[in-house]
Amino acid sequence: MTMDHSSHGSAQPGGLAVSEGGYALELDSAVLAAGVQPVSFRVVGPDGRAVTEFVAEHEKELHFIAVRRDTAGFQHVHPVRDEKGTWSTELALEPGDWRFFADIHPAGHHGAMTLGIDVAVGGHYEPLPLPEATGVARTGEYTVALDGGLVPGEASALTLTVSRNGSPVTDLQPYLAAYGHLVALRVGDLGYLHVHPEGEPGDGATAPGPEIAFMAVAPSAGAYRLYLDFQHDGVVRTAEFTVRADAAGEHHGHHSHHAHH
C-alpha cells in the first residue's frame, strides 16, 4: 500500500511546514512576551505578495490555532484581516515554545492547507507532562465523553457527548457551521489532522447535542491530543483529550487503557 503524500486527501498531517505550494506564513515577530499579546502575520503567496482572497471554510477565511509544544495552552481564534492582507489577533501566552497554525484555502489554490510556525515566548518554562489517555474531559460544569478510537491510516468515527451537571445538553449552539469544531494534533511533532464533522446544523438530520460526531484519520500510531470547541449559552468552551492510536485499534478512548506494567 503506497501512501499518497500530497496534501490533497492524504492522511499526512498538515502544519509541519511554514510553507506549502508557494504559500508561506510570515509573522511580524516569532519572539513574544508572556501574557495577553497582540499577534500579527501574513500569508504570502507564490507572487511574493500577501494573500487577500481566501475561500471561507467553516464560515471563516482563516482559522488560527496556537498551542504550546507540550500541548498546553490551546487557543482557536479568528484574526481580523486588513485590506493589505495583514491579520491581527490576541493570544494568552505562557512562557515556552509554541506552535502557531493557520488553516487556510487561498483563492485559486486547489484546496485547503495548514501552515505552521514556531514561536518562542520568553520567561521561565515549566513544561507539563502529557495528560493520561482518558475518555472523559471536564470544562467548568460540562463533561464531554469520547467514544471511538483512532486507528492509524483509517478514517475513524469519533463521537463526543456533552453533558452539564450530569444532564445531556440538547441545545448546543452552532459554532463555525457545526455543533462542534475538533482539532487533533499528533504528540511529538504537532502534526495537524484534518477532522470533518458529520452533518451540520439545519440539515434536518443533525441534532443539537448531546452527541457531536466527527471523522478523523490518524496518520500513524502514537499519542494524539484532541481539542473540542463547542458553544452553549453563548460561550465557546474547549474540552481536551489524549488519545492513543495503535495498529490493533484496541485502545479506544473510553477504555482509559494503562499500559504501564
C-alpha atoms as a PDB file:
ATOM      1  CA  MET A   1       0.000   0.000   0.000  1.00  0.00           C
ATOM      2  CA  THR A   2       1.503   3.305  -1.040  1.00  0.00           C
ATOM      3  CA  MET A   3       0.681   6.392   0.944  1.00  0.00           C
ATOM      4  CA  ASP A   4      -0.422   9.446  -1.010  1.00  0.00           C
ATOM      5  CA  HIS A   5       1.920  12.144   0.234  1.00  0.00           C
ATOM      6  CA  SER A   6       0.159  15.028  -1.495  1.00  0.00           C
ATOM      7  CA  SER A   7      -1.773  17.280   0.851  1.00  0.00           C
ATOM      8  CA  HIS A   8      -4.994  16.541  -1.042  1.00  0.00           C
ATOM      9  CA  GLY A   9      -6.990  13.755   0.557  1.00  0.00           C
ATOM     10  CA  SER A  10      -3.942  12.355   2.303  1.00  0.00           C
ATOM     11  CA  ALA A  11      -3.611  11.079   5.850  1.00  0.00           C
ATOM     12  CA  GLN A  12      -0.363  13.039   6.204  1.00  0.00           C
ATOM     13  CA  PRO A  13      -0.846  15.735   8.824  1.00  0.00           C
ATOM     14  CA  GLY A  14      -0.661  19.408   7.917  1.00  0.00           C
ATOM     15  CA  GLY A  15       1.029  22.196   9.811  1.00  0.00           C
ATOM     16  CA  LEU A  16       4.518  20.655   9.822  1.00  0.00           C
ATOM     17  CA  ALA A  17       5.877  23.226   7.364  1.00  0.00           C
ATOM     18  CA  VAL A  18       5.899  27.006   7.337  1.00  0.00           C
ATOM     19  CA  SER A  19       5.456  26.960   3.549  1.00  0.00           C
ATOM     20  CA  GLU A  20       3.461  24.799   1.136  1.00  0.00           C
ATOM     21  CA  GLY A  21       2.628  25.119  -2.548  1.00  0.00           C
ATOM     22  CA  GLY A  22       4.285  28.526  -2.725  1.00  0.00           C
ATOM     23  CA  TYR A  23       2.313  29.905   0.251  1.00  0.00           C
ATOM     24  CA  ALA A  24       4.141  30.838   3.437  1.00  0.00           C
ATOM     25  CA  LEU A  25       3.188  32.003   6.917  1.00  0.00           C
ATOM     26  CA  GLU A  26       5.041  35.170   7.919  1.00  0.00           C
ATOM     27  CA  LEU A  27       4.815  36.501  11.499  1.00  0.00           C
ATOM     28  CA  ASP A  28       5.693  40.062  12.411  1.00  0.00           C
ATOM     29  CA  SER A  29       7.575  38.601  15.375  1.00  0.00           C
ATOM     30  CA  ALA A  30       8.427  34.999  16.250  1.00  0.00           C
ATOM     31  CA  VAL A  31       9.641  36.067  19.718  1.00  0.00           C
ATOM     32  CA  LEU A  32       6.893  37.206  22.059  1.00  0.00           C
ATOM     33  CA  ALA A  33       6.490  38.143  25.705  1.00  0.00           C
ATOM     34  CA  ALA A  34       4.260  36.190  28.087  1.00  0.00           C
ATOM     35  CA  GLY A  35       0.757  37.439  28.818  1.00  0.00           C
ATOM     36  CA  VAL A  36      -2.022  38.604  26.523  1.00  0.00           C
ATOM     37  CA  GLN A  37      -0.150  39.666  23.404  1.00  0.00           C
ATOM     38  CA  PRO A  38      -1.061  41.119  20.027  1.00  0.00           C
ATOM     39  CA  VAL A  39      -0.035  38.835  17.166  1.00  0.00           C
ATOM     40  CA  SER A  40       0.092  39.896  13.525  1.00  0.00           C
ATOM     41  CA  PHE A  41       1.015  37.948  10.421  1.00  0.00           C
ATOM     42  CA  ARG A  42       0.516  37.485   6.704  1.00  0.00           C
ATOM     43  CA  VAL A  43       0.060  34.598   4.317  1.00  0.00           C
ATOM     44  CA  VAL A  44       2.465  35.337   1.458  1.00  0.00           C
ATOM     45  CA  GLY A  45       1.552  33.825  -1.905  1.00  0.00           C
ATOM     46  CA  PRO A  46       3.676  32.471  -4.775  1.00  0.00           C
ATOM     47  CA  ASP A  47       3.872  36.013  -6.203  1.00  0.00           C
ATOM     48  CA  GLY A  48       5.564  37.265  -3.017  1.00  0.00           C
ATOM     49  CA  ARG A  49       2.566  39.336  -2.004  1.00  0.00           C
ATOM     50  CA  ALA A  50       0.276  38.996   0.996  1.00  0.00           C
ATOM     51  CA  VAL A  51      -2.825  36.985   0.079  1.00  0.00           C
ATOM     52  CA  THR A  52      -6.050  38.969   0.389  1.00  0.00           C
ATOM     53  CA  GLU A  53      -8.523  36.497  -1.117  1.00  0.00           C
ATOM     54  CA  PHE A  54      -9.467  33.281   0.623  1.00  0.00           C
ATOM     55  CA  VAL A  55     -12.215  30.694   0.283  1.00  0.00           C
ATOM     56  CA  ALA A  56     -14.140  30.553   3.560  1.00  0.00           C
ATOM     57  CA  GLU A  57     -14.104  27.168   5.326  1.00  0.00           C
ATOM     58  CA  HIS A  58     -16.413  26.673   8.329  1.00  0.00           C
ATOM     59  CA  GLU A  59     -17.585  30.280   7.975  1.00  0.00           C
ATOM     60  CA  LYS A  60     -14.097  31.811   8.291  1.00  0.00           C
ATOM     61  CA  GLU A  61     -11.375  32.777   5.824  1.00  0.00           C
ATOM     62  CA  LEU A  62      -8.711  31.719   8.286  1.00  0.00           C
ATOM     63  CA  HIS A  63      -8.619  29.605  11.437  1.00  0.00           C
ATOM     64  CA  PHE A  64      -5.716  30.378  13.724  1.00  0.00           C
ATOM     65  CA  ILE A  65      -4.626  27.820  16.307  1.00  0.00           C
ATOM     66  CA  ALA A  66      -1.973  28.325  18.978  1.00  0.00           C
ATOM     67  CA  VAL A  67      -0.641  25.590  21.254  1.00  0.00           C
ATOM     68  CA  ARG A  68       2.459  25.211  23.356  1.00  0.00           C
ATOM     69  CA  ARG A  69       4.818  22.396  22.313  1.00  0.00           C
ATOM     70  CA  ASP A  70       3.823  20.406  25.437  1.00  0.00           C
ATOM     71  CA  THR A  71       0.194  20.612  24.101  1.00  0.00           C
ATOM     72  CA  ALA A  72      -0.916  23.041  26.848  1.00  0.00           C
ATOM     73  CA  GLY A  73      -2.457  26.454  26.251  1.00  0.00           C
ATOM     74  CA  PHE A  74      -4.609  25.551  23.222  1.00  0.00           C
ATOM     75  CA  GLN A  75      -6.401  28.528  21.644  1.00  0.00           C
ATOM     76  CA  HIS A  76      -8.507  28.709  18.476  1.00  0.00           C
ATOM     77  CA  VAL A  77      -9.061  32.323  17.432  1.00  0.00           C
ATOM     78  CA  HIS A  78     -10.259  34.201  14.370  1.00  0.00           C
ATOM     79  CA  PRO A  79      -7.970  37.071  13.467  1.00  0.00           C
ATOM     80  CA  VAL A  80      -9.152  40.107  11.529  1.00  0.00           C
ATOM     81  CA  ARG A  81      -7.557  40.886   8.153  1.00  0.00           C
ATOM     82  CA  ASP A  82      -6.906  44.368   6.796  1.00  0.00           C
ATOM     83  CA  GLU A  83      -7.156  45.186   3.085  1.00  0.00           C
ATOM     84  CA  LYS A  84      -3.393  44.722   2.648  1.00  0.00           C
ATOM     85  CA  GLY A  85      -3.509  41.139   3.925  1.00  0.00           C
ATOM     86  CA  THR A  86      -2.180  41.578   7.469  1.00  0.00           C
ATOM     87  CA  TRP A  87      -4.058  39.543  10.068  1.00  0.00           C
ATOM     88  CA  SER A  88      -4.258  40.631  13.721  1.00  0.00           C
ATOM     89  CA  THR A  89      -5.399  38.873  16.879  1.00  0.00           C
ATOM     90  CA  GLU A  90      -4.579  38.458  20.568  1.00  0.00           C
ATOM     91  CA  LEU A  91      -3.322  35.345  22.324  1.00  0.00           C
ATOM     92  CA  ALA A  92      -2.818  34.499  26.005  1.00  0.00           C
ATOM     93  CA  LEU A  93       0.756  33.178  26.117  1.00  0.00           C
ATOM     94  CA  GLU A  94       2.684  31.382  28.849  1.00  0.00           C
ATOM     95  CA  PRO A  95       6.482  31.062  28.613  1.00  0.00           C
ATOM     96  CA  GLY A  96       7.713  28.242  26.402  1.00  0.00           C
ATOM     97  CA  ASP A  97       7.995  27.037  22.827  1.00  0.00           C
ATOM     98  CA  TRP A  98       4.768  27.460  20.868  1.00  0.00           C
ATOM     99  CA  ARG A  99       3.403  26.367  17.511  1.00  0.00           C
ATOM    100  CA  PHE A 100       1.007  28.613  15.615  1.00  0.00           C
ATOM    101  CA  PHE A 101      -1.129  27.209  12.783  1.00  0.00           C
ATOM    102  CA  ALA A 102      -3.030  28.964  10.006  1.00  0.00           C
ATOM    103  CA  ASP A 103      -5.744  26.819   8.403  1.00  0.00           C
ATOM    104  CA  ILE A 104      -6.498  28.417   5.031  1.00  0.00           C
ATOM    105  CA  HIS A 105      -7.788  27.939   1.489  1.00  0.00           C
ATOM    106  CA  PRO A 106      -6.216  30.661  -0.675  1.00  0.00           C
ATOM    107  CA  ALA A 107      -8.439  31.640  -3.623  1.00  0.00           C
ATOM    108  CA  GLY A 108      -7.242  29.938  -6.781  1.00  0.00           C
ATOM    109  CA  HIS A 109      -5.458  27.150  -4.894  1.00  0.00           C
ATOM    110  CA  HIS A 110      -6.790  23.605  -5.349  1.00  0.00           C
ATOM    111  CA  GLY A 111      -7.588  23.042  -1.696  1.00  0.00           C
ATOM    112  CA  ALA A 112      -7.181  23.938   1.934  1.00  0.00           C
ATOM    113  CA  MET A 113      -3.809  23.790   3.695  1.00  0.00           C
ATOM    114  CA  THR A 114      -2.416  24.226   7.173  1.00  0.00           C
ATOM    115  CA  LEU A 115       0.812  26.157   7.681  1.00  0.00           C
ATOM    116  CA  GLY A 116       2.695  26.014  10.985  1.00  0.00           C
ATOM    117  CA  ILE A 117       5.389  28.179  12.548  1.00  0.00           C
ATOM    118  CA  ASP A 118       7.456  28.051  15.740  1.00  0.00           C
ATOM    119  CA  VAL A 119       7.247  30.908  18.229  1.00  0.00           C
ATOM    120  CA  ALA A 120       9.336  31.475  21.358  1.00  0.00           C
ATOM    121  CA  VAL A 121       7.697  33.044  24.409  1.00  0.00           C
ATOM    122  CA  GLY A 122      10.178  34.345  26.970  1.00  0.00           C
ATOM    123  CA  GLY A 123      10.176  33.508  30.666  1.00  0.00           C
ATOM    124  CA  HIS A 124      10.624  30.555  32.974  1.00  0.00           C
ATOM    125  CA  TYR A 125       9.200  27.500  31.191  1.00  0.00           C
ATOM    126  CA  GLU A 126       7.592  24.700  33.189  1.00  0.00           C
ATOM    127  CA  PRO A 127       6.627  22.060  30.629  1.00  0.00           C
ATOM    128  CA  LEU A 128       3.675  19.885  31.612  1.00  0.00           C
ATOM    129  CA  PRO A 129       3.611  16.097  31.200  1.00  0.00           C
ATOM    130  CA  LEU A 130       1.189  14.699  28.645  1.00  0.00           C
ATOM    131  CA  PRO A 131      -2.176  14.104  30.347  1.00  0.00           C
ATOM    132  CA  GLU A 132      -3.204  10.453  30.556  1.00  0.00           C
ATOM    133  CA  ALA A 133      -5.443   8.967  27.901  1.00  0.00           C
ATOM    134  CA  THR A 134      -8.981   9.103  29.233  1.00  0.00           C
ATOM    135  CA  GLY A 135     -12.387   9.115  27.620  1.00  0.00           C
ATOM    136  CA  VAL A 136     -13.761  11.982  29.688  1.00  0.00           C
ATOM    137  CA  ALA A 137     -12.896  15.678  29.720  1.00  0.00           C
ATOM    138  CA  ARG A 138     -14.244  18.339  32.054  1.00  0.00           C
ATOM    139  CA  THR A 139     -14.516  22.062  31.450  1.00  0.00           C
ATOM    140  CA  GLY A 140     -16.371  24.030  34.119  1.00  0.00           C
ATOM    141  CA  GLU A 141     -19.832  22.498  34.650  1.00  0.00           C
ATOM    142  CA  TYR A 142     -19.527  20.475  31.443  1.00  0.00           C
ATOM    143  CA  THR A 143     -18.409  16.912  30.935  1.00  0.00           C
ATOM    144  CA  VAL A 144     -17.591  15.589  27.475  1.00  0.00           C
ATOM    145  CA  ALA A 145     -17.353  11.830  26.910  1.00  0.00           C
ATOM    146  CA  LEU A 146     -15.368  10.492  23.953  1.00  0.00           C
ATOM    147  CA  ASP A 147     -16.477   7.309  22.220  1.00  0.00           C
ATOM    148  CA  GLY A 148     -14.473   5.698  19.443  1.00  0.00           C
ATOM    149  CA  GLY A 149     -10.746   5.487  18.834  1.00  0.00           C
ATOM    150  CA  LEU A 150      -8.065   6.385  16.322  1.00  0.00           C
ATOM    151  CA  VAL A 151      -6.661   3.694  14.027  1.00  0.00           C
ATOM    152  CA  PRO A 152      -3.526   4.513  12.010  1.00  0.00           C
ATOM    153  CA  GLY A 153      -4.253   5.144   8.336  1.00  0.00           C
ATOM    154  CA  GLU A 154      -8.002   4.656   8.627  1.00  0.00           C
ATOM    155  CA  ALA A 155     -10.901   7.043   8.906  1.00  0.00           C
ATOM    156  CA  SER A 156     -12.278   6.617  12.421  1.00  0.00           C
ATOM    157  CA  ALA A 157     -15.622   7.739  13.802  1.00  0.00           C
ATOM    158  CA  LEU A 158     -15.416   9.799  16.987  1.00  0.00           C
ATOM    159  CA  THR A 159     -18.499  10.713  18.974  1.00  0.00           C
ATOM    160  CA  LEU A 160     -18.351  13.348  21.709  1.00  0.00           C
ATOM    161  CA  THR A 161     -21.279  13.549  24.114  1.00  0.00           C
ATOM    162  CA  VAL A 162     -21.775  16.780  26.047  1.00  0.00           C
ATOM    163  CA  SER A 163     -23.473  16.956  29.435  1.00  0.00           C
ATOM    164  CA  ARG A 164     -23.811  19.710  32.023  1.00  0.00           C
ATOM    165  CA  ASN A 165     -24.035  18.875  35.708  1.00  0.00           C
ATOM    166  CA  GLY A 166     -24.949  15.313  34.727  1.00  0.00           C
ATOM    167  CA  SER A 167     -27.718  16.184  32.250  1.00  0.00           C
ATOM    168  CA  PRO A 168     -27.336  15.754  28.470  1.00  0.00           C
ATOM    169  CA  VAL A 169     -27.036  19.074  26.599  1.00  0.00           C
ATOM    170  CA  THR A 170     -29.635  19.080  23.792  1.00  0.00           C
ATOM    171  CA  ASP A 171     -29.430  22.765  22.814  1.00  0.00           C
ATOM    172  CA  LEU A 172     -25.876  23.240  21.611  1.00  0.00           C
ATOM    173  CA  GLN A 173     -25.446  26.364  19.508  1.00  0.00           C
ATOM    174  CA  PRO A 174     -23.903  26.232  16.034  1.00  0.00           C
ATOM    175  CA  TYR A 175     -20.221  27.148  16.100  1.00  0.00           C
ATOM    176  CA  LEU A 176     -18.420  27.556  12.770  1.00  0.00           C
ATOM    177  CA  ALA A 177     -21.259  25.884  10.841  1.00  0.00           C
ATOM    178  CA  ALA A 178     -21.149  22.829  13.114  1.00  0.00           C
ATOM    179  CA  TYR A 179     -22.161  21.901  16.654  1.00  0.00           C
ATOM    180  CA  GLY A 180     -18.507  21.437  17.485  1.00  0.00           C
ATOM    181  CA  HIS A 181     -15.102  22.108  16.000  1.00  0.00           C
ATOM    182  CA  LEU A 182     -12.450  19.450  16.632  1.00  0.00           C
ATOM    183  CA  VAL A 183      -8.695  19.964  16.244  1.00  0.00           C
ATOM    184  CA  ALA A 184      -6.402  16.928  16.534  1.00  0.00           C
ATOM    185  CA  LEU A 185      -2.626  17.212  16.904  1.00  0.00           C
ATOM    186  CA  ARG A 186      -0.042  14.433  16.874  1.00  0.00           C
ATOM    187  CA  VAL A 187       2.058  14.449  20.036  1.00  0.00           C
ATOM    188  CA  GLY A 188       5.762  14.746  19.249  1.00  0.00           C
ATOM    189  CA  ASP A 189       5.627  16.947  16.177  1.00  0.00           C
ATOM    190  CA  LEU A 190       2.202  18.621  16.489  1.00  0.00           C
ATOM    191  CA  GLY A 191       1.144  17.374  13.047  1.00  0.00           C
ATOM    192  CA  TYR A 192      -2.301  18.859  12.380  1.00  0.00           C
ATOM    193  CA  LEU A 193      -5.006  16.359  11.428  1.00  0.00           C
ATOM    194  CA  HIS A 194      -7.930  17.082   9.176  1.00  0.00           C
ATOM    195  CA  VAL A 195     -11.151  16.307  11.013  1.00  0.00           C
ATOM    196  CA  HIS A 196     -14.594  16.570   9.437  1.00  0.00           C
ATOM    197  CA  PRO A 197     -17.891  16.937  11.327  1.00  0.00           C
ATOM    198  CA  GLU A 198     -20.676  14.525  10.372  1.00  0.00           C
ATOM    199  CA  GLY A 199     -23.712  16.546   9.354  1.00  0.00           C
ATOM    200  CA  GLU A 200     -24.352  20.202  10.065  1.00  0.00           C
ATOM    201  CA  PRO A 201     -26.900  22.410  11.837  1.00  0.00           C
ATOM    202  CA  GLY A 202     -30.113  22.868   9.862  1.00  0.00           C
ATOM    203  CA  ASP A 203     -29.670  19.821   7.613  1.00  0.00           C
ATOM    204  CA  GLY A 204     -32.807  18.244   9.091  1.00  0.00           C
ATOM    205  CA  ALA A 205     -30.880  15.292  10.497  1.00  0.00           C
ATOM    206  CA  THR A 206     -28.201  16.604  12.854  1.00  0.00           C
ATOM    207  CA  ALA A 207     -29.394  17.119  16.427  1.00  0.00           C
ATOM    208  CA  PRO A 208     -28.011  19.983  18.570  1.00  0.00           C
ATOM    209  CA  GLY A 209     -26.451  17.584  21.059  1.00  0.00           C
ATOM    210  CA  PRO A 210     -25.777  15.821  23.234  1.00  0.00           C
ATOM    211  CA  GLU A 211     -23.731  13.923  20.618  1.00  0.00           C
ATOM    212  CA  ILE A 212     -21.333  15.512  18.126  1.00  0.00           C
ATOM    213  CA  ALA A 213     -19.850  13.185  15.503  1.00  0.00           C
ATOM    214  CA  PHE A 214     -16.615  13.516  13.537  1.00  0.00           C
ATOM    215  CA  MET A 215     -14.440  11.503  11.159  1.00  0.00           C
ATOM    216  CA  ALA A 216     -10.692  11.673  11.772  1.00  0.00           C
ATOM    217  CA  VAL A 217      -7.675   9.965  10.235  1.00  0.00           C
ATOM    218  CA  ALA A 218      -4.601   9.286  12.370  1.00  0.00           C
ATOM    219  CA  PRO A 219      -1.545   9.132  10.078  1.00  0.00           C
ATOM    220  CA  SER A 220       0.450   6.898  12.432  1.00  0.00           C
ATOM    221  CA  ALA A 221       0.370   5.030  15.710  1.00  0.00           C
ATOM    222  CA  GLY A 222       1.077   7.052  18.833  1.00  0.00           C
ATOM    223  CA  ALA A 223      -0.464   9.710  21.032  1.00  0.00           C
ATOM    224  CA  TYR A 224      -2.737  12.494  19.862  1.00  0.00           C
ATOM    225  CA  ARG A 225      -4.338  15.493  21.552  1.00  0.00           C
ATOM    226  CA  LEU A 226      -7.943  16.339  20.679  1.00  0.00           C
ATOM    227  CA  TYR A 227      -9.459  19.739  21.365  1.00  0.00           C
ATOM    228  CA  LEU A 228     -13.235  20.138  21.014  1.00  0.00           C
ATOM    229  CA  ASP A 229     -14.657  23.667  20.818  1.00  0.00           C
ATOM    230  CA  PHE A 230     -18.407  23.793  21.433  1.00  0.00           C
ATOM    231  CA  GLN A 231     -20.845  26.614  22.140  1.00  0.00           C
ATOM    232  CA  HIS A 232     -23.576  26.627  24.771  1.00  0.00           C
ATOM    233  CA  ASP A 233     -25.360  29.531  26.481  1.00  0.00           C
ATOM    234  CA  GLY A 234     -23.397  31.921  24.294  1.00  0.00           C
ATOM    235  CA  VAL A 235     -19.961  30.772  25.454  1.00  0.00           C
ATOM    236  CA  VAL A 236     -17.426  28.716  23.484  1.00  0.00           C
ATOM    237  CA  ARG A 237     -15.678  26.131  25.651  1.00  0.00           C
ATOM    238  CA  THR A 238     -12.865  23.698  24.943  1.00  0.00           C
ATOM    239  CA  ALA A 239     -12.667  20.070  26.074  1.00  0.00           C
ATOM    240  CA  GLU A 240      -9.276  18.346  25.765  1.00  0.00           C
ATOM    241  CA  PHE A 241      -8.403  14.652  25.382  1.00  0.00           C
ATOM    242  CA  THR A 242      -5.336  12.485  24.997  1.00  0.00           C
ATOM    243  CA  VAL A 243      -5.970   9.551  22.642  1.00  0.00           C
ATOM    244  CA  ARG A 244      -3.619   6.760  21.595  1.00  0.00           C
ATOM    245  CA  ALA A 245      -3.791   5.261  18.133  1.00  0.00           C
ATOM    246  CA  ASP A 246      -2.440   1.768  17.742  1.00  0.00           C
ATOM    247  CA  ALA A 247      -2.409  -0.622  14.824  1.00  0.00           C
ATOM    248  CA  ALA A 248      -4.659  -3.134  16.570  1.00  0.00           C
ATOM    249  CA  GLY A 249      -7.275  -0.461  17.177  1.00  0.00           C
ATOM    250  CA  GLU A 250      -7.820  -1.818  20.689  1.00  0.00           C
ATOM    251  CA  HIS A 251      -7.092   1.257  22.747  1.00  0.00           C
ATOM    252  CA  HIS A 252     -10.244   3.250  22.306  1.00  0.00           C
ATOM    253  CA  GLY A 253     -10.654   6.495  24.174  1.00  0.00           C
ATOM    254  CA  HIS A 254     -13.297   5.204  26.578  1.00  0.00           C
ATOM    255  CA  HIS A 255     -11.196   2.305  27.859  1.00  0.00           C
ATOM    256  CA  SER A 256      -8.674   4.529  29.656  1.00  0.00           C
ATOM    257  CA  HIS A 257      -6.038   1.892  28.985  1.00  0.00           C
ATOM    258  CA  HIS A 258      -2.974   1.671  31.222  1.00  0.00           C
ATOM    259  CA  ALA A 259      -0.037   0.013  29.550  1.00  0.00           C
ATOM    260  CA  HIS A 260       2.378   0.512  32.440  1.00  0.00           C
ATOM    261  CA  HIS A 261       3.412  -2.868  33.818  1.00  0.00           C
END
